[in-house]
N, C-alpha and C. Protein backbone atom coordinates (compact mmCIF):
# COMPACT_ATOMS: atom_id res chain seq x y z
N MET A 1 -5.65 1.04 36.23
CA MET A 1 -5.44 0.10 34.56
C MET A 1 -6.22 -0.31 34.09
N ALA A 2 -7.43 0.17 34.16
CA ALA A 2 -8.32 0.34 33.26
C ALA A 2 -7.81 1.72 32.39
N GLU A 3 -7.57 2.34 32.57
CA GLU A 3 -7.04 4.15 31.53
C GLU A 3 -6.20 3.78 31.08
N GLN A 4 -5.05 2.80 31.45
CA GLN A 4 -3.91 2.23 30.96
C GLN A 4 -4.68 1.52 29.17
N GLU A 5 -5.44 0.59 29.76
CA GLU A 5 -5.99 -0.06 28.53
C GLU A 5 -6.82 0.50 27.58
N LYS A 6 -7.07 1.82 28.23
CA LYS A 6 -7.79 2.36 27.14
C LYS A 6 -6.74 3.36 26.48
N THR A 7 -5.74 3.78 27.02
CA THR A 7 -4.41 4.51 25.52
C THR A 7 -3.72 3.58 25.43
N GLU A 8 -3.86 2.33 25.63
CA GLU A 8 -3.57 1.23 24.83
C GLU A 8 -4.35 0.83 23.35
N THR A 9 -5.16 1.43 23.87
CA THR A 9 -6.61 0.39 22.45
C THR A 9 -6.24 1.72 21.34
N LYS A 10 -5.67 2.90 21.79
CA LYS A 10 -6.57 3.84 21.38
C LYS A 10 -4.96 4.35 20.58
N LEU A 11 -3.71 3.94 20.18
CA LEU A 11 -2.83 3.70 19.93
C LEU A 11 -2.80 4.10 18.15
N LYS A 12 -2.00 5.45 17.81
CA LYS A 12 -2.76 4.99 16.40
C LYS A 12 -1.64 4.65 15.43
N LEU A 13 -1.67 3.76 14.32
CA LEU A 13 -1.02 2.88 14.03
C LEU A 13 -1.12 3.84 12.10
N ALA A 14 -1.59 4.42 12.27
CA ALA A 14 -1.51 5.65 10.97
C ALA A 14 -1.24 7.58 11.00
N THR A 15 -1.00 7.72 10.55
CA THR A 15 -0.31 8.82 10.93
C THR A 15 -0.79 9.43 9.28
N PRO A 16 -0.84 11.25 9.09
CA PRO A 16 -0.95 11.87 8.15
C PRO A 16 0.53 11.79 7.80
N GLY A 17 1.62 11.56 8.20
CA GLY A 17 2.47 11.36 7.44
C GLY A 17 3.12 10.07 6.71
N SER A 18 2.79 9.02 7.56
CA SER A 18 2.66 7.68 6.94
C SER A 18 1.81 7.49 5.70
N ILE A 19 0.64 8.02 5.83
CA ILE A 19 -0.39 7.52 4.71
C ILE A 19 0.68 8.30 3.53
N ALA A 20 1.17 9.77 3.33
CA ALA A 20 1.37 10.79 2.37
C ALA A 20 2.53 9.45 2.44
N VAL A 21 3.46 9.15 2.88
CA VAL A 21 4.50 8.42 2.19
C VAL A 21 4.17 6.66 1.93
N ASP A 22 3.25 6.19 2.12
CA ASP A 22 2.00 4.75 1.24
C ASP A 22 2.16 5.38 0.29
N ALA A 23 0.93 6.89 0.06
CA ALA A 23 0.80 7.50 -1.06
C ALA A 23 1.70 7.56 -2.23
N VAL A 24 3.10 8.15 -2.04
CA VAL A 24 4.43 8.34 -2.43
C VAL A 24 4.16 6.76 -3.06
N LEU A 25 4.66 5.28 -2.56
CA LEU A 25 5.28 5.09 -2.63
C LEU A 25 3.95 3.61 -3.76
N VAL A 26 3.24 4.37 -2.98
CA VAL A 26 2.13 3.73 -4.25
C VAL A 26 1.71 4.03 -5.19
N VAL A 27 2.08 5.54 -6.01
CA VAL A 27 1.73 6.02 -6.87
C VAL A 27 3.30 5.12 -7.80
N ALA A 28 4.35 5.40 -6.91
CA ALA A 28 5.60 4.70 -8.15
C ALA A 28 5.54 3.69 -8.30
N PHE A 29 4.13 2.64 -7.40
CA PHE A 29 4.89 0.93 -8.10
C PHE A 29 3.63 1.29 -8.98
N PHE A 30 3.01 1.73 -9.02
CA PHE A 30 1.79 1.83 -10.01
C PHE A 30 2.61 2.68 -11.54
N ILE A 31 3.39 3.55 -11.74
CA ILE A 31 4.15 3.72 -12.34
C ILE A 31 5.43 2.70 -13.12
N TYR A 32 5.49 2.24 -12.20
CA TYR A 32 6.67 0.82 -12.28
C TYR A 32 6.16 -0.50 -13.06
N MET A 33 4.95 -0.67 -12.19
CA MET A 33 3.80 -1.44 -12.95
C MET A 33 3.32 -1.88 -14.23
N TYR A 34 3.11 -0.56 -14.22
CA TYR A 34 2.43 0.45 -15.31
C TYR A 34 3.44 -0.32 -16.44
N THR A 35 4.78 -0.18 -16.66
CA THR A 35 5.49 0.54 -17.73
C THR A 35 5.66 -1.29 -17.71
N VAL A 36 5.90 -1.89 -16.69
CA VAL A 36 6.10 -4.06 -16.93
C VAL A 36 4.94 -4.35 -17.94
N VAL A 37 3.63 -4.02 -17.30
CA VAL A 37 2.55 -5.03 -17.47
C VAL A 37 2.35 -4.44 -19.03
N SER A 38 2.62 -3.16 -19.55
CA SER A 38 1.82 -2.47 -20.62
C SER A 38 2.82 -3.21 -22.47
N THR A 39 3.65 -3.84 -21.82
CA THR A 39 4.24 -4.59 -23.34
C THR A 39 4.28 -5.78 -23.25
N HIS A 40 3.03 -6.27 -22.87
CA HIS A 40 2.76 -7.54 -22.63
C HIS A 40 1.62 -7.86 -22.79
N VAL A 41 0.54 -6.90 -23.11
CA VAL A 41 -1.02 -6.39 -23.69
C VAL A 41 -0.93 -7.14 -24.90
N PRO A 42 -1.44 -8.58 -25.22
CA PRO A 42 -1.43 -8.71 -26.96
C PRO A 42 -2.43 -7.93 -27.51
N SER A 43 -2.08 -6.73 -28.12
CA SER A 43 -2.86 -5.90 -28.33
C SER A 43 -2.26 -4.84 -29.60
N GLU A 44 -2.67 -4.54 -30.63
CA GLU A 44 -1.51 -3.57 -30.86
C GLU A 44 -2.67 -2.27 -31.27
N ASP A 45 -3.77 -2.43 -30.24
CA ASP A 45 -4.23 -0.66 -30.65
C ASP A 45 -3.46 0.04 -29.03
N PRO A 46 -3.01 1.04 -29.23
CA PRO A 46 -2.82 2.27 -27.98
C PRO A 46 -3.55 2.13 -26.90
N LYS A 47 -4.64 2.17 -27.17
CA LYS A 47 -6.09 2.47 -26.41
C LYS A 47 -5.97 1.40 -25.40
N MET A 48 -6.16 0.10 -26.06
CA MET A 48 -6.51 -1.28 -24.70
C MET A 48 -5.50 -1.54 -24.38
N ILE A 49 -4.69 -1.09 -25.30
CA ILE A 49 -2.63 -1.13 -24.42
C ILE A 49 -3.13 -0.45 -23.12
N HIS A 50 -3.40 0.63 -23.29
CA HIS A 50 -3.34 1.69 -21.89
C HIS A 50 -4.44 1.18 -20.78
N PHE A 51 -5.09 0.92 -20.86
CA PHE A 51 -6.21 0.17 -20.46
C PHE A 51 -6.11 -0.87 -19.77
N TRP A 52 -5.55 -1.92 -20.72
CA TRP A 52 -5.21 -2.88 -19.40
C TRP A 52 -4.24 -2.90 -19.22
N GLY A 53 -3.40 -2.07 -19.22
CA GLY A 53 -1.61 -1.71 -18.44
C GLY A 53 -2.41 -1.44 -17.61
N ALA A 54 -3.06 0.39 -17.80
CA ALA A 54 -3.73 0.56 -16.23
C ALA A 54 -4.51 -0.24 -15.17
N PHE A 55 -5.24 -0.88 -16.23
CA PHE A 55 -6.08 -2.23 -14.72
C PHE A 55 -5.43 -2.57 -14.16
N THR A 56 -4.54 -3.32 -14.67
CA THR A 56 -3.58 -4.19 -14.17
C THR A 56 -2.87 -3.17 -13.04
N ALA A 57 -2.27 -2.40 -14.15
CA ALA A 57 -1.13 -2.44 -12.88
C ALA A 57 -2.23 -1.91 -11.29
N SER A 58 -3.35 -0.40 -11.70
CA SER A 58 -4.09 -0.54 -10.30
C SER A 58 -4.78 -1.50 -9.54
N CYS A 59 -4.57 -2.89 -9.85
CA CYS A 59 -5.27 -3.96 -9.25
C CYS A 59 -3.53 -4.40 -8.26
N LEU A 60 -2.49 -4.83 -9.40
CA LEU A 60 -1.42 -5.17 -8.21
C LEU A 60 -1.17 -3.86 -7.58
N ALA A 61 -0.95 -2.17 -7.87
CA ALA A 61 -1.52 -0.84 -6.89
C ALA A 61 -1.66 -1.51 -5.87
N ALA A 62 -2.64 -2.15 -6.01
CA ALA A 62 -4.12 -1.90 -4.63
C ALA A 62 -3.40 -3.14 -3.73
N LEU A 63 -3.38 -4.06 -4.78
CA LEU A 63 -2.47 -5.66 -2.93
C LEU A 63 -1.30 -4.69 -3.13
N PHE A 64 -0.37 -3.61 -3.38
CA PHE A 64 0.84 -3.65 -3.10
C PHE A 64 0.60 -2.50 -1.95
N TRP A 65 -0.25 -1.62 -1.38
CA TRP A 65 -1.20 -0.78 -0.75
C TRP A 65 -1.08 -1.87 0.06
N LEU A 66 -2.15 -3.37 -0.03
CA LEU A 66 -2.70 -3.92 1.35
C LEU A 66 -1.90 -4.04 1.93
N ALA A 67 -0.47 -4.87 1.47
CA ALA A 67 0.18 -5.46 2.27
C ALA A 67 1.36 -4.14 2.66
N LEU A 68 1.57 -3.08 2.22
CA LEU A 68 2.25 -2.19 2.77
C LEU A 68 1.25 -1.85 4.28
N GLN A 69 0.13 -1.81 4.83
CA GLN A 69 -0.48 -1.55 5.60
C GLN A 69 -0.39 -2.87 6.19
N MET A 70 -0.39 -3.82 6.35
CA MET A 70 -0.87 -4.98 6.83
C MET A 70 1.06 -4.92 7.57
N PHE A 71 2.24 -4.26 6.33
CA PHE A 71 3.40 -4.96 7.71
C PHE A 71 3.20 -4.01 8.14
N ARG A 72 2.81 -2.74 8.42
CA ARG A 72 3.34 -1.14 8.91
C ARG A 72 2.45 -1.15 10.39
N VAL A 73 0.97 -2.54 10.37
CA VAL A 73 0.68 -2.10 11.42
C VAL A 73 1.41 -3.59 12.49
N VAL A 74 1.41 -5.07 11.65
CA VAL A 74 2.38 -6.12 12.42
C VAL A 74 3.88 -5.44 12.82
N TYR A 75 4.41 -4.17 12.15
CA TYR A 75 5.98 -3.71 12.19
C TYR A 75 5.26 -2.90 13.72
N LYS A 76 4.52 -2.32 13.37
CA LYS A 76 4.25 -1.25 14.98
C LYS A 76 3.83 -1.89 16.37
N ALA A 77 2.69 -2.42 16.06
CA ALA A 77 2.74 -4.21 16.54
C ALA A 77 3.68 -5.03 17.76
N GLN A 78 4.45 -5.14 16.34
CA GLN A 78 5.83 -5.76 17.25
C GLN A 78 6.16 -5.22 17.72
N ARG A 79 7.35 -4.04 17.79
CA ARG A 79 7.66 -2.37 18.77
C ARG A 79 6.66 -2.41 19.56
N GLU A 80 6.29 -2.24 19.67
CA GLU A 80 5.09 -1.99 20.98
C GLU A 80 4.83 -3.01 21.97
N SER A 81 5.20 -4.13 21.87
CA SER A 81 5.37 -5.42 22.91
C SER A 81 6.90 -5.74 23.24
N LYS A 82 7.81 -4.86 22.40
CA LYS A 82 8.97 -5.97 23.11
C LYS A 82 9.54 -4.68 23.42
N LYS A 83 8.29 -3.09 23.76
CA LYS A 83 8.45 -2.38 24.73
C LYS A 83 8.07 -2.94 26.33
N LYS A 84 6.67 -3.55 25.86
CA LYS A 84 6.48 -4.17 27.16
C LYS A 84 7.49 -4.65 28.14
């Protein structure tokens, strides 16, 4: 019984393949959000438009990454609980 609990706690929630897929999705989301938010920067200076567009898109991409990780963990935990 104790051995079964040890193997259950060592369940891998993130594999190298899933991390690679997440990285591609986050980069694609960053690029998409940069194109959206850079048009809303209230400036005529291209440097400021690039800076604030990239800064805002990076915050949104980090939030997207966090949501993606939370979704992955919850989904995997629900699948594992149905197996029991």
